[in-house]
Amino acid sequence: MRILVTGGAGFIGSHLCERLIADGGEVICLDNFFTGRKANIEHLLTHPRFELVRHDVTEPILLEVDQIYNLACPASPVHYQYNPIKTVKTNVMGTINMLGLAKRVKARILQASTSEVYGDPIQHPQVESYWGNVNPIGLRSCYDEGKRVAETLMMDYHRQSSVDTRIVRIFNTYGTRMLENDGRVVSNFIVQALRGEKLTIYGDGTQTRSFCYVSDLVEGLVRLMNTEADDIHLPVNIGNPGEFTMKELAEKIGETLGRKLEIEYLPLPQDDPKQRQPNIERAKKLLGWEPKVPLAEGLKKTVEYFGKSVNADAASGNR
């Protein structure tokens, strides 16, 4: 099985490449290294079933593959708002290019969508049939609406051209290989705590998120790609339904580090969702999937990972 992973040098993509190789696949990792890092896949470069291609998905590419995981796109507000037009292009043109490739070579394709398609949800927890509450002209819409269009393209290519498609709506994911500066709450809190800084909470800290460890997510992606079912082409939520407030997350990180952390409160950014929690009944029924790694265990691994890089930065005088 030849498998293409776009965004394969990224946080989630690198873990997925690792898993696919372990499962016996031939993996082509495609990345333009905007947020992906060579360090994430360095240990795979000498593997005989791994190939790295530096390429931007907004440009067409011809490859012979059996499966495509389309993960290419910056996934944190800091990065996707840096160049919002590029973010939209990656989501729309990148998805069109990957769907065109899948159609041409008759490959199965999985699109990494996001819980952001639900916007600031009025329905809680979020089920796949919920259409969402998204601001189409806001600061986050380059990502939110870009992913919604990517889902539209997947369904239209499936209906019109019989492309074998899968759509996964990924909820907040954390773990090793996250970027220190990616602006996601788990990495923000851990890095600030390790540096002895105050933890920055936006709003009053009562907004909630659900945190899925990266190995659980990868298991869900692989199962979705390789499951056969009548309604398999419709979206599937993959995330951890355990819901925590930002204050609770800060406390959990303090417990992991064994000390009390100071908190600084700042204004809530525009269109920041108040609640986020997946309903995963569809994933349970369709894939036999549910998360296995509890937050305390996942945070311990993530803190250990960031501890090495933050200490290395401190030793070299970098911040």
Protein backbone atom coordinates (compact mmCIF):
# COMPACT_ATOMS: atom_id res chain seq x y z
CA MET A 1 0.00 0.00 0.00
CA ARG A 2 1.47 3.35 -1.11
CA ILE A 3 0.17 6.11 1.12
CA LEU A 4 0.51 9.88 0.67
CA VAL A 5 0.39 12.06 3.80
CA THR A 6 0.19 15.79 3.04
CA GLY A 7 1.41 17.87 5.96
CA GLY A 8 3.33 14.74 6.95
CA ALA A 9 6.13 16.63 8.74
CA GLY A 10 3.66 18.39 11.01
CA PHE A 11 2.61 17.58 14.56
CA ILE A 12 -0.17 15.09 13.70
CA GLY A 13 1.21 14.14 10.26
CA SER A 14 4.55 12.93 11.61
CA HIS A 15 2.84 10.65 14.15
CA LEU A 16 0.61 9.33 11.36
CA CYS A 17 3.62 8.62 9.07
CA GLU A 18 5.26 6.72 11.92
CA ARG A 19 2.13 4.64 12.50
CA LEU A 20 1.62 3.84 8.80
CA ILE A 21 5.22 2.66 8.43
CA ALA A 22 4.83 0.52 11.57
CA ASP A 23 1.74 -1.01 9.92
CA GLY A 24 3.81 -1.97 6.84
CA GLY A 25 2.85 0.85 4.46
CA GLU A 26 5.04 2.71 1.95
CA VAL A 27 4.71 6.35 2.96
CA ILE A 28 5.25 9.49 0.90
CA CYS A 29 5.40 12.50 3.23
CA LEU A 30 4.60 15.76 1.43
CA ASP A 31 5.19 19.08 3.22
CA ASN A 32 6.10 22.69 2.41
CA PHE A 33 7.57 23.17 5.93
CA PHE A 34 5.50 26.23 6.83
CA THR A 35 4.63 24.69 10.21
CA GLY A 36 6.05 21.19 9.60
CA ARG A 37 9.60 20.43 10.76
CA LYS A 38 12.23 18.09 9.41
CA ALA A 39 13.08 17.19 13.02
CA ASN A 40 9.64 15.56 13.33
CA ILE A 41 10.40 12.98 10.65
CA GLU A 42 14.21 12.88 10.80
CA HIS A 43 14.20 9.41 12.35
CA LEU A 44 12.19 8.13 9.35
CA LEU A 45 14.41 9.53 6.58
CA THR A 46 16.60 6.43 6.34
CA HIS A 47 13.67 4.02 6.40
CA PRO A 48 13.34 2.13 3.08
CA ARG A 49 9.54 2.62 3.00
CA PHE A 50 9.60 6.37 3.69
CA GLU A 51 10.02 9.17 1.17
CA LEU A 52 10.00 12.93 1.79
CA VAL A 53 8.82 15.35 -0.90
CA ARG A 54 9.02 19.12 -0.37
CA HIS A 55 5.93 20.46 -2.10
CA ASP A 56 3.01 22.85 -1.60
CA VAL A 57 -0.43 21.29 -2.07
CA THR A 58 -1.72 24.44 -3.75
CA GLU A 59 0.35 23.27 -6.75
CA PRO A 60 -0.71 20.04 -8.55
CA ILE A 61 1.45 16.94 -8.23
CA LEU A 62 1.41 13.56 -10.00
CA LEU A 63 2.03 10.49 -7.84
CA GLU A 64 0.92 6.87 -7.90
CA VAL A 65 -0.69 6.12 -4.54
CA ASP A 66 -3.45 3.95 -3.03
CA GLN A 67 -4.48 6.24 -0.16
CA ILE A 68 -4.21 9.97 0.58
CA TYR A 69 -4.40 11.56 4.04
CA ASN A 70 -4.85 15.28 3.35
CA LEU A 71 -3.59 16.96 6.53
CA ALA A 72 -1.81 19.94 4.92
CA CYS A 73 -2.86 23.22 6.56
CA PRO A 74 -1.69 25.29 9.53
CA ALA A 75 -4.05 24.41 12.38
CA SER A 76 -3.50 27.04 15.07
CA PRO A 77 -4.80 30.64 14.95
CA VAL A 78 -1.27 32.12 15.20
CA HIS A 79 -0.24 30.32 12.01
CA TYR A 80 -3.40 30.29 9.92
CA GLN A 81 -4.03 34.01 10.57
CA TYR A 82 -0.42 34.87 9.60
CA ASN A 83 -1.40 34.50 5.92
CA PRO A 84 -5.20 34.02 5.76
CA ILE A 85 -5.35 34.01 1.94
CA LYS A 86 -2.74 31.24 1.82
CA THR A 87 -4.77 29.33 4.43
CA VAL A 88 -7.89 29.50 2.26
CA LYS A 89 -5.86 28.46 -0.81
CA THR A 90 -4.40 25.48 1.06
CA ASN A 91 -7.86 24.35 2.14
CA VAL A 92 -9.60 24.90 -1.19
CA MET A 93 -6.99 24.56 -3.97
CA GLY A 94 -5.01 22.01 -1.99
CA THR A 95 -8.10 19.86 -1.50
CA ILE A 96 -9.05 20.20 -5.19
CA ASN A 97 -5.54 19.09 -6.20
CA MET A 98 -5.61 16.10 -3.86
CA LEU A 99 -9.13 15.11 -4.97
CA GLY A 100 -8.02 15.41 -8.61
CA LEU A 101 -5.10 13.10 -7.85
CA ALA A 102 -7.39 10.64 -6.02
CA LYS A 103 -9.81 10.65 -8.97
CA ARG A 104 -7.01 10.10 -11.49
CA VAL A 105 -5.29 7.20 -9.71
CA LYS A 106 -8.44 5.82 -8.01
CA ALA A 107 -7.04 6.37 -4.52
CA ARG A 108 -9.07 6.61 -1.33
CA ILE A 109 -8.75 10.05 0.27
CA LEU A 110 -9.27 11.23 3.85
CA GLN A 111 -9.72 14.95 4.51
CA ALA A 112 -8.62 16.31 7.88
CA SER A 113 -11.42 18.69 8.75
CA THR A 114 -11.90 20.31 12.14
CA SER A 115 -14.30 20.97 14.98
CA GLU A 116 -13.94 24.62 13.92
CA VAL A 117 -16.61 23.91 11.26
CA TYR A 118 -19.07 24.12 14.18
CA GLY A 119 -17.88 27.68 14.95
CA ASP A 120 -19.08 29.01 18.32
CA PRO A 121 -21.63 26.21 18.72
CA ILE A 122 -25.18 26.72 19.92
CA GLN A 123 -25.62 22.92 20.14
CA HIS A 124 -23.62 21.14 22.84
CA PRO A 125 -22.01 18.64 22.62
CA GLN A 126 -21.54 18.79 18.84
CA VAL A 127 -22.92 16.00 16.64
CA GLU A 128 -21.98 15.56 12.98
CA SER A 129 -25.46 16.59 11.80
CA TYR A 130 -25.07 20.05 13.40
CA TRP A 131 -24.44 22.70 10.71
CA GLY A 132 -22.53 25.05 12.98
CA ASN A 133 -22.47 28.73 13.90
CA VAL A 134 -19.57 30.23 11.92
CA ASN A 135 -18.78 33.89 11.19
CA PRO A 136 -17.97 33.89 7.43
CA ILE A 137 -16.10 37.24 7.59
CA GLY A 138 -14.25 36.95 10.91
CA LEU A 139 -10.54 36.62 11.66
CA ARG A 140 -10.85 32.85 12.00
CA SER A 141 -12.99 32.31 8.90
CA CYS A 142 -9.99 31.66 6.61
CA TYR A 143 -9.62 28.39 8.51
CA ASP A 144 -13.23 27.67 9.56
CA GLU A 145 -14.76 28.38 6.16
CA GLY A 146 -11.77 26.93 4.32
CA LYS A 147 -12.35 23.60 6.04
CA ARG A 148 -16.10 23.80 5.41
CA VAL A 149 -15.44 24.27 1.67
CA ALA A 150 -12.98 21.35 1.79
CA GLU A 151 -15.80 19.17 3.17
CA THR A 152 -18.12 20.41 0.39
CA LEU A 153 -15.52 19.47 -2.23
CA MET A 154 -15.10 16.00 -0.72
CA MET A 155 -18.83 15.33 -0.86
CA ASP A 156 -19.21 16.75 -4.39
CA TYR A 157 -16.30 14.71 -5.78
CA HIS A 158 -17.81 11.65 -4.13
CA ARG A 159 -21.31 12.29 -5.50
CA GLN A 160 -20.28 13.49 -8.97
CA SER A 161 -17.16 11.43 -9.68
CA SER A 162 -17.49 8.49 -7.24
CA VAL A 163 -14.22 9.37 -5.50
CA ASP A 164 -13.80 7.20 -2.38
CA THR A 165 -13.74 9.87 0.34
CA ARG A 166 -13.55 10.14 4.12
CA ILE A 167 -14.02 13.27 6.30
CA VAL A 168 -12.76 13.48 9.86
CA ARG A 169 -13.62 16.42 12.13
CA ILE A 170 -10.66 16.67 14.48
CA PHE A 171 -11.20 18.16 17.94
CA ASN A 172 -8.42 19.69 20.07
CA THR A 173 -5.40 17.40 19.90
CA TYR A 174 -2.19 17.65 21.93
CA GLY A 175 1.01 15.70 22.49
CA THR A 176 4.68 15.45 21.59
CA ARG A 177 5.96 17.41 18.55
CA MET A 178 3.57 20.33 19.02
CA LEU A 179 5.25 23.65 18.21
CA GLU A 180 6.18 25.81 21.19
CA ASN A 181 4.80 28.92 19.51
CA ASP A 182 1.68 27.48 17.89
CA GLY A 183 -0.72 29.40 20.14
CA ARG A 184 -2.75 26.36 21.19
CA VAL A 185 -3.75 26.37 24.82
CA VAL A 186 -1.95 23.17 25.91
CA SER A 187 1.41 24.19 24.44
CA ASN A 188 0.95 27.81 25.62
CA PHE A 189 0.27 26.78 29.21
CA ILE A 190 3.05 24.16 29.39
CA VAL A 191 5.73 26.40 27.86
CA GLN A 192 4.74 29.36 30.06
CA ALA A 193 4.78 27.12 33.16
CA LEU A 194 8.20 25.65 32.31
CA ARG A 195 9.61 29.13 31.80
CA GLY A 196 8.25 30.28 35.16
CA GLU A 197 5.85 32.74 33.53
CA LYS A 198 2.21 33.43 34.37
CA LEU A 199 -0.29 31.32 32.43
CA THR A 200 -2.29 33.43 29.97
CA ILE A 201 -6.04 32.76 30.06
CA TYR A 202 -8.22 34.59 27.56
CA GLY A 203 -11.65 35.52 28.93
CA ASP A 204 -12.67 34.40 32.41
CA GLY A 205 -11.38 30.84 32.03
CA THR A 206 -14.82 29.19 32.03
CA GLN A 207 -14.73 28.40 28.28
CA THR A 208 -14.27 24.67 27.67
CA ARG A 209 -12.27 22.42 25.37
CA SER A 210 -11.88 18.66 24.98
CA PHE A 211 -8.32 17.35 24.67
CA CYS A 212 -7.44 14.22 22.68
CA TYR A 213 -3.92 12.76 22.88
CA VAL A 214 -2.28 12.44 19.46
CA SER A 215 -1.93 8.63 19.51
CA ASP A 216 -5.68 8.28 20.06
CA LEU A 217 -6.38 10.61 17.14
CA VAL A 218 -4.02 8.71 14.81
CA GLU A 219 -5.78 5.45 15.70
CA GLY A 220 -9.10 7.09 14.74
CA LEU A 221 -7.70 8.36 11.41
CA VAL A 222 -6.34 4.94 10.44
CA ARG A 223 -9.59 3.20 11.39
CA LEU A 224 -11.69 5.69 9.41
CA MET A 225 -9.48 5.31 6.33
CA ASN A 226 -9.75 1.51 6.41
CA THR A 227 -13.40 1.00 7.40
CA GLU A 228 -16.11 0.04 4.92
CA ALA A 229 -19.71 1.17 5.57
CA ASP A 230 -22.65 2.60 3.64
CA ASP A 231 -22.39 6.07 5.24
CA ILE A 232 -18.59 6.10 5.62
CA HIS A 233 -18.30 9.19 3.36
CA LEU A 234 -20.17 11.41 5.84
CA PRO A 235 -18.16 13.31 8.50
CA VAL A 236 -16.99 11.63 11.70
CA ASN A 237 -16.01 13.45 14.92
CA ILE A 238 -12.73 12.25 16.40
CA GLY A 239 -11.88 13.76 19.77
CA ASN A 240 -12.00 13.17 23.49
CA PRO A 241 -15.42 13.92 25.01
CA GLY A 242 -13.86 14.78 28.39
CA GLU A 243 -14.61 18.50 28.79
CA PHE A 244 -12.40 20.87 30.80
CA THR A 245 -12.49 24.61 31.47
CA MET A 246 -9.32 26.61 30.85
CA LYS A 247 -8.96 27.04 34.64
CA GLU A 248 -9.19 23.26 35.12
CA LEU A 249 -6.55 22.68 32.42
CA ALA A 250 -4.23 25.17 34.16
CA GLU A 251 -4.74 23.28 37.45
CA LYS A 252 -4.01 19.92 35.77
CA ILE A 253 -0.74 21.27 34.34
CA GLY A 254 0.15 22.62 37.79
CA GLU A 255 -0.50 19.14 39.24
CA THR A 256 1.71 17.57 36.56
CA LEU A 257 4.55 19.95 37.44
CA GLY A 258 3.88 19.66 41.18
CA ARG A 259 3.42 23.38 41.82
CA LYS A 260 0.77 26.12 41.87
CA LEU A 261 0.80 28.32 38.78
CA GLU A 262 -0.05 32.02 38.57
CA ILE A 263 -2.64 33.09 36.01
CA GLU A 264 -3.03 36.31 33.99
CA TYR A 265 -6.43 37.03 32.42
CA LEU A 266 -6.64 38.77 29.02
CA PRO A 267 -9.61 39.68 26.75
CA LEU A 268 -11.20 36.85 24.74
CA PRO A 269 -10.26 36.93 21.00
CA GLN A 270 -12.96 37.48 18.36
CA ASP A 271 -15.17 34.43 17.61
CA ASP A 272 -13.37 32.24 20.15
CA PRO A 273 -15.79 29.36 20.88
CA LYS A 274 -17.21 29.23 24.43
CA GLN A 275 -17.69 25.46 24.40
CA ARG A 276 -16.20 22.58 22.47
CA GLN A 277 -17.00 18.93 23.10
CA PRO A 278 -17.47 16.13 20.57
CA ASN A 279 -20.29 13.65 20.53
CA ILE A 280 -18.37 10.50 19.45
CA GLU A 281 -21.25 8.01 19.22
CA ARG A 282 -20.80 7.79 15.44
CA ALA A 283 -17.07 6.98 15.79
CA LYS A 284 -17.84 4.36 18.46
CA LYS A 285 -20.49 2.66 16.34
CA LEU A 286 -18.80 2.97 12.92
CA LEU A 287 -15.14 2.48 13.87
CA GLY A 288 -15.26 0.86 17.30
CA TRP A 289 -13.09 3.82 18.38
CA GLU A 290 -12.88 5.81 21.57
CA PRO A 291 -9.93 7.58 23.23
CA LYS A 292 -7.78 5.61 25.66
CA VAL A 293 -5.24 8.14 27.01
CA PRO A 294 -6.50 10.14 30.03
CA LEU A 295 -5.58 13.84 30.25
CA ALA A 296 -3.20 13.37 33.22
CA GLU A 297 -1.18 10.73 31.33
CA GLY A 298 -1.09 12.71 28.07
CA LEU A 299 -0.05 15.91 29.85
CA LYS A 300 2.80 14.08 31.59
CA LYS A 301 4.24 12.97 28.21
CA THR A 302 3.74 16.41 26.68
CA VAL A 303 5.36 18.21 29.63
CA GLU A 304 8.39 15.86 29.39
CA TYR A 305 8.67 16.62 25.65
CA PHE A 306 8.50 20.40 26.09
CA GLY A 307 10.81 20.21 29.12
CA LYS A 308 13.66 19.10 26.83
CA SER A 309 13.17 21.86 24.23
CA VAL A 310 12.54 24.65 26.76
CA ASN A 311 15.65 23.63 28.75
CA ALA A 312 17.67 23.52 25.52
CA ASP A 313 16.44 27.02 24.62
CA ALA A 314 17.35 28.32 28.08
CA ALA A 315 20.82 26.78 27.85
CA SER A 316 21.45 28.44 24.48
CA GLY A 317 19.96 31.77 25.53
CA ASN A 318 17.07 31.53 23.04
CA ARG A 319 13.48 32.35 23.96
